[in-house]
């Protein structure tokens, strides 16, 4: 098992739903994530192989206004087992309708790649897009 390769135990289980907003911009993804009743508006900007993420907690009223303004492309539900390795998050995501994925993020790119390599992944196996791109 992958978690055995990193000696990980006791993940933090999380259930989230992501509503992706229509942005019309190639390298920008906007979404509203609902986790444990909290809403977060995220703007994800891809610059080469780096993602810059801005997050802001929002209210249901703000959520409605954003969806009304932009429209939504898709809503995805994911069941996540989250592990923290120093400054890097490793998540095993079971995304309804898409499958199971490993997401490694945070920290420096070298730290992320070191974990990916230890798990046996090569850069040719990386998917550097948010999940909504797979549903488009």
C-alpha atoms as a PDB file:
ATOM      1  CA  UNK A   1       0.000   0.000   0.000  1.00  0.00           C
ATOM      2  CA  UNK A   2       1.185   3.543  -0.758  1.00  0.00           C
ATOM      3  CA  UNK A   3       0.906   4.724   2.822  1.00  0.00           C
ATOM      4  CA  UNK A   4       3.244   1.915   3.926  1.00  0.00           C
ATOM      5  CA  UNK A   5       5.987   3.346   1.676  1.00  0.00           C
ATOM      6  CA  UNK A   6       5.915   6.556   3.720  1.00  0.00           C
ATOM      7  CA  UNK A   7       5.156   4.953   7.108  1.00  0.00           C
ATOM      8  CA  UNK A   8       1.901   6.884   7.439  1.00  0.00           C
ATOM      9  CA  UNK A   9      -0.969   6.062   9.731  1.00  0.00           C
ATOM     10  CA  UNK A  10      -4.214   7.613  10.973  1.00  0.00           C
ATOM     11  CA  UNK A  11      -5.371   9.791   8.105  1.00  0.00           C
ATOM     12  CA  UNK A  12      -7.753  12.657   8.642  1.00  0.00           C
ATOM     13  CA  UNK A  13     -10.917  11.658   6.722  1.00  0.00           C
ATOM     14  CA  UNK A  14     -12.644  14.559   4.985  1.00  0.00           C
ATOM     15  CA  UNK A  15     -15.705  14.770   2.755  1.00  0.00           C
ATOM     16  CA  UNK A  16     -15.843  17.773   0.463  1.00  0.00           C
ATOM     17  CA  UNK A  17     -17.913  19.037  -2.400  1.00  0.00           C
ATOM     18  CA  UNK A  18     -16.369  21.383  -4.940  1.00  0.00           C
ATOM     19  CA  UNK A  19     -18.535  23.569  -7.156  1.00  0.00           C
ATOM     20  CA  UNK A  20     -16.414  24.813 -10.050  1.00  0.00           C
ATOM     21  CA  UNK A  21     -17.370  28.222 -11.411  1.00  0.00           C
ATOM     22  CA  UNK A  22     -17.244  29.169 -15.081  1.00  0.00           C
ATOM     23  CA  UNK A  23     -14.303  31.505 -15.493  1.00  0.00           C
ATOM     24  CA  UNK A  24     -13.516  31.472 -19.211  1.00  0.00           C
ATOM     25  CA  UNK A  25      -9.830  31.905 -18.393  1.00  0.00           C
ATOM     26  CA  UNK A  26      -7.413  29.201 -19.484  1.00  0.00           C
ATOM     27  CA  UNK A  27      -5.053  29.082 -16.494  1.00  0.00           C
ATOM     28  CA  UNK A  28      -7.502  30.088 -13.758  1.00  0.00           C
ATOM     29  CA  UNK A  29      -9.913  27.834 -11.893  1.00  0.00           C
ATOM     30  CA  UNK A  30     -12.451  29.170  -9.407  1.00  0.00           C
ATOM     31  CA  UNK A  31     -14.342  26.910  -7.066  1.00  0.00           C
ATOM     32  CA  UNK A  32     -16.375  26.892  -3.902  1.00  0.00           C
ATOM     33  CA  UNK A  33     -15.441  24.102  -1.518  1.00  0.00           C
ATOM     34  CA  UNK A  34     -17.791  22.925   1.209  1.00  0.00           C
ATOM     35  CA  UNK A  35     -16.119  21.063   4.066  1.00  0.00           C
ATOM     36  CA  UNK A  36     -17.812  20.339   7.386  1.00  0.00           C
ATOM     37  CA  UNK A  37     -20.396  23.055   6.732  1.00  0.00           C
ATOM     38  CA  UNK A  38     -17.806  25.723   5.939  1.00  0.00           C
ATOM     39  CA  UNK A  39     -17.615  27.387   2.526  1.00  0.00           C
ATOM     40  CA  UNK A  40     -14.345  28.529   0.974  1.00  0.00           C
ATOM     41  CA  UNK A  41     -13.965  30.409  -2.308  1.00  0.00           C
ATOM     42  CA  UNK A  42     -10.735  29.414  -4.057  1.00  0.00           C
ATOM     43  CA  UNK A  43      -9.013  31.007  -7.017  1.00  0.00           C
ATOM     44  CA  UNK A  44      -6.338  28.730  -8.467  1.00  0.00           C
ATOM     45  CA  UNK A  45      -3.849  30.224 -10.934  1.00  0.00           C
ATOM     46  CA  UNK A  46      -1.519  27.890 -12.820  1.00  0.00           C
ATOM     47  CA  UNK A  47       1.866  29.310 -13.758  1.00  0.00           C
ATOM     48  CA  UNK A  48       3.901  26.626 -15.533  1.00  0.00           C
ATOM     49  CA  UNK A  49       4.038  23.751 -12.993  1.00  0.00           C
ATOM     50  CA  UNK A  50       3.139  25.886  -9.981  1.00  0.00           C
ATOM     51  CA  UNK A  51      -0.354  26.560  -8.654  1.00  0.00           C
ATOM     52  CA  UNK A  52      -1.016  29.704  -6.660  1.00  0.00           C
ATOM     53  CA  UNK A  53      -4.124  29.386  -4.524  1.00  0.00           C
ATOM     54  CA  UNK A  54      -6.040  32.189  -2.864  1.00  0.00           C
ATOM     55  CA  UNK A  55      -8.673  31.105  -0.344  1.00  0.00           C
ATOM     56  CA  UNK A  56     -11.356  33.069   1.458  1.00  0.00           C
ATOM     57  CA  UNK A  57     -14.105  31.833   3.780  1.00  0.00           C
ATOM     58  CA  UNK A  58     -17.512  32.916   2.492  1.00  0.00           C
ATOM     59  CA  UNK A  59     -21.158  32.831   3.572  1.00  0.00           C
ATOM     60  CA  UNK A  60     -24.037  31.039   1.829  1.00  0.00           C
ATOM     61  CA  UNK A  61     -25.184  34.428   0.544  1.00  0.00           C
ATOM     62  CA  UNK A  62     -21.757  35.063  -1.011  1.00  0.00           C
ATOM     63  CA  UNK A  63     -21.809  31.536  -2.476  1.00  0.00           C
ATOM     64  CA  UNK A  64     -25.166  32.224  -4.150  1.00  0.00           C
ATOM     65  CA  UNK A  65     -23.893  35.532  -5.531  1.00  0.00           C
ATOM     66  CA  UNK A  66     -20.767  33.906  -7.000  1.00  0.00           C
ATOM     67  CA  UNK A  67     -22.745  31.097  -8.646  1.00  0.00           C
ATOM     68  CA  UNK A  68     -25.268  33.598 -10.001  1.00  0.00           C
ATOM     69  CA  UNK A  69     -22.502  35.853 -11.364  1.00  0.00           C
ATOM     70  CA  UNK A  70     -20.317  33.171 -12.957  1.00  0.00           C
ATOM     71  CA  UNK A  71     -22.496  30.080 -13.333  1.00  0.00           C
ATOM     72  CA  UNK A  72     -21.123  26.646 -12.475  1.00  0.00           C
ATOM     73  CA  UNK A  73     -19.574  23.973 -14.651  1.00  0.00           C
ATOM     74  CA  UNK A  74     -19.693  20.955 -12.371  1.00  0.00           C
ATOM     75  CA  UNK A  75     -19.939  19.898  -8.728  1.00  0.00           C
ATOM     76  CA  UNK A  76     -17.731  17.045  -7.573  1.00  0.00           C
ATOM     77  CA  UNK A  77     -17.869  15.152  -4.280  1.00  0.00           C
ATOM     78  CA  UNK A  78     -14.643  13.720  -2.938  1.00  0.00           C
ATOM     79  CA  UNK A  79     -13.861  11.518   0.009  1.00  0.00           C
ATOM     80  CA  UNK A  80     -10.339  12.332   1.125  1.00  0.00           C
ATOM     81  CA  UNK A  81      -7.853  10.655   3.441  1.00  0.00           C
ATOM     82  CA  UNK A  82      -5.431  13.433   4.340  1.00  0.00           C
ATOM     83  CA  UNK A  83      -1.895  12.948   5.627  1.00  0.00           C
ATOM     84  CA  UNK A  84       0.615  15.650   6.582  1.00  0.00           C
ATOM     85  CA  UNK A  85       4.295  15.068   5.898  1.00  0.00           C
ATOM     86  CA  UNK A  86       6.231  18.057   7.221  1.00  0.00           C
ATOM     87  CA  UNK A  87       4.932  20.959   5.080  1.00  0.00           C
ATOM     88  CA  UNK A  88       3.446  18.714   2.386  1.00  0.00           C
ATOM     89  CA  UNK A  89      -0.110  17.354   2.256  1.00  0.00           C
ATOM     90  CA  UNK A  90      -0.723  13.953   0.726  1.00  0.00           C
ATOM     91  CA  UNK A  91      -4.350  13.163   0.015  1.00  0.00           C
ATOM     92  CA  UNK A  92      -5.898   9.994  -1.317  1.00  0.00           C
ATOM     93  CA  UNK A  93      -9.013  11.287  -3.050  1.00  0.00           C
ATOM     94  CA  UNK A  94     -11.950   9.134  -4.065  1.00  0.00           C
ATOM     95  CA  UNK A  95     -13.816  11.446  -6.455  1.00  0.00           C
ATOM     96  CA  UNK A  96     -17.378  10.397  -7.278  1.00  0.00           C
ATOM     97  CA  UNK A  97     -17.675   9.708 -11.003  1.00  0.00           C
ATOM     98  CA  UNK A  98     -13.931  10.049 -11.693  1.00  0.00           C
ATOM     99  CA  UNK A  99     -11.976   7.533  -9.626  1.00  0.00           C
ATOM    100  CA  UNK A 100      -9.192   7.551  -7.062  1.00  0.00           C
ATOM    101  CA  UNK A 101      -6.277   9.972  -7.183  1.00  0.00           C
ATOM    102  CA  UNK A 102      -3.302  10.954  -5.066  1.00  0.00           C
ATOM    103  CA  UNK A 103      -2.845  14.663  -4.548  1.00  0.00           C
ATOM    104  CA  UNK A 104       0.473  15.931  -3.225  1.00  0.00           C
ATOM    105  CA  UNK A 105       0.694  19.647  -2.551  1.00  0.00           C
ATOM    106  CA  UNK A 106       2.280  22.358  -0.454  1.00  0.00           C
ATOM    107  CA  UNK A 107       5.812  23.072   0.565  1.00  0.00           C
ATOM    108  CA  UNK A 108       8.528  23.375  -2.052  1.00  0.00           C
ATOM    109  CA  UNK A 109       8.237  21.591  -5.409  1.00  0.00           C
ATOM    110  CA  UNK A 110      11.330  19.498  -4.559  1.00  0.00           C
ATOM    111  CA  UNK A 111       9.622  18.194  -1.394  1.00  0.00           C
ATOM    112  CA  UNK A 112       6.497  17.269  -3.370  1.00  0.00           C
ATOM    113  CA  UNK A 113       8.538  15.511  -6.077  1.00  0.00           C
ATOM    114  CA  UNK A 114      10.572  13.637  -3.452  1.00  0.00           C
ATOM    115  CA  UNK A 115       7.371  12.175  -1.981  1.00  0.00           C
ATOM    116  CA  UNK A 116       6.004  11.331  -5.450  1.00  0.00           C
ATOM    117  CA  UNK A 117       9.264   9.581  -6.344  1.00  0.00           C
ATOM    118  CA  UNK A 118       9.281   7.636  -3.067  1.00  0.00           C
ATOM    119  CA  UNK A 119       5.770   6.425  -3.958  1.00  0.00           C
ATOM    120  CA  UNK A 120       7.030   5.308  -7.381  1.00  0.00           C
ATOM    121  CA  UNK A 121       5.498   8.039  -9.557  1.00  0.00           C
ATOM    122  CA  UNK A 122       7.299   9.745 -12.432  1.00  0.00           C
ATOM    123  CA  UNK A 123       6.614  13.241 -13.704  1.00  0.00           C
ATOM    124  CA  UNK A 124       4.954  11.757 -16.822  1.00  0.00           C
ATOM    125  CA  UNK A 125       2.195  10.446 -14.526  1.00  0.00           C
ATOM    126  CA  UNK A 126       1.409  13.844 -12.972  1.00  0.00           C
ATOM    127  CA  UNK A 127      -1.956  15.417 -13.725  1.00  0.00           C
ATOM    128  CA  UNK A 128      -1.472  19.130 -13.280  1.00  0.00           C
ATOM    129  CA  UNK A 129      -5.090  20.196 -13.578  1.00  0.00           C
ATOM    130  CA  UNK A 130      -7.947  20.503 -11.109  1.00  0.00           C
ATOM    131  CA  UNK A 131     -10.474  17.647 -11.137  1.00  0.00           C
ATOM    132  CA  UNK A 132     -13.078  19.632 -13.067  1.00  0.00           C
ATOM    133  CA  UNK A 133     -10.887  19.521 -16.191  1.00  0.00           C
ATOM    134  CA  UNK A 134     -11.438  15.748 -16.300  1.00  0.00           C
ATOM    135  CA  UNK A 135     -15.219  16.243 -16.402  1.00  0.00           C
ATOM    136  CA  UNK A 136     -15.239  18.855 -19.182  1.00  0.00           C
END
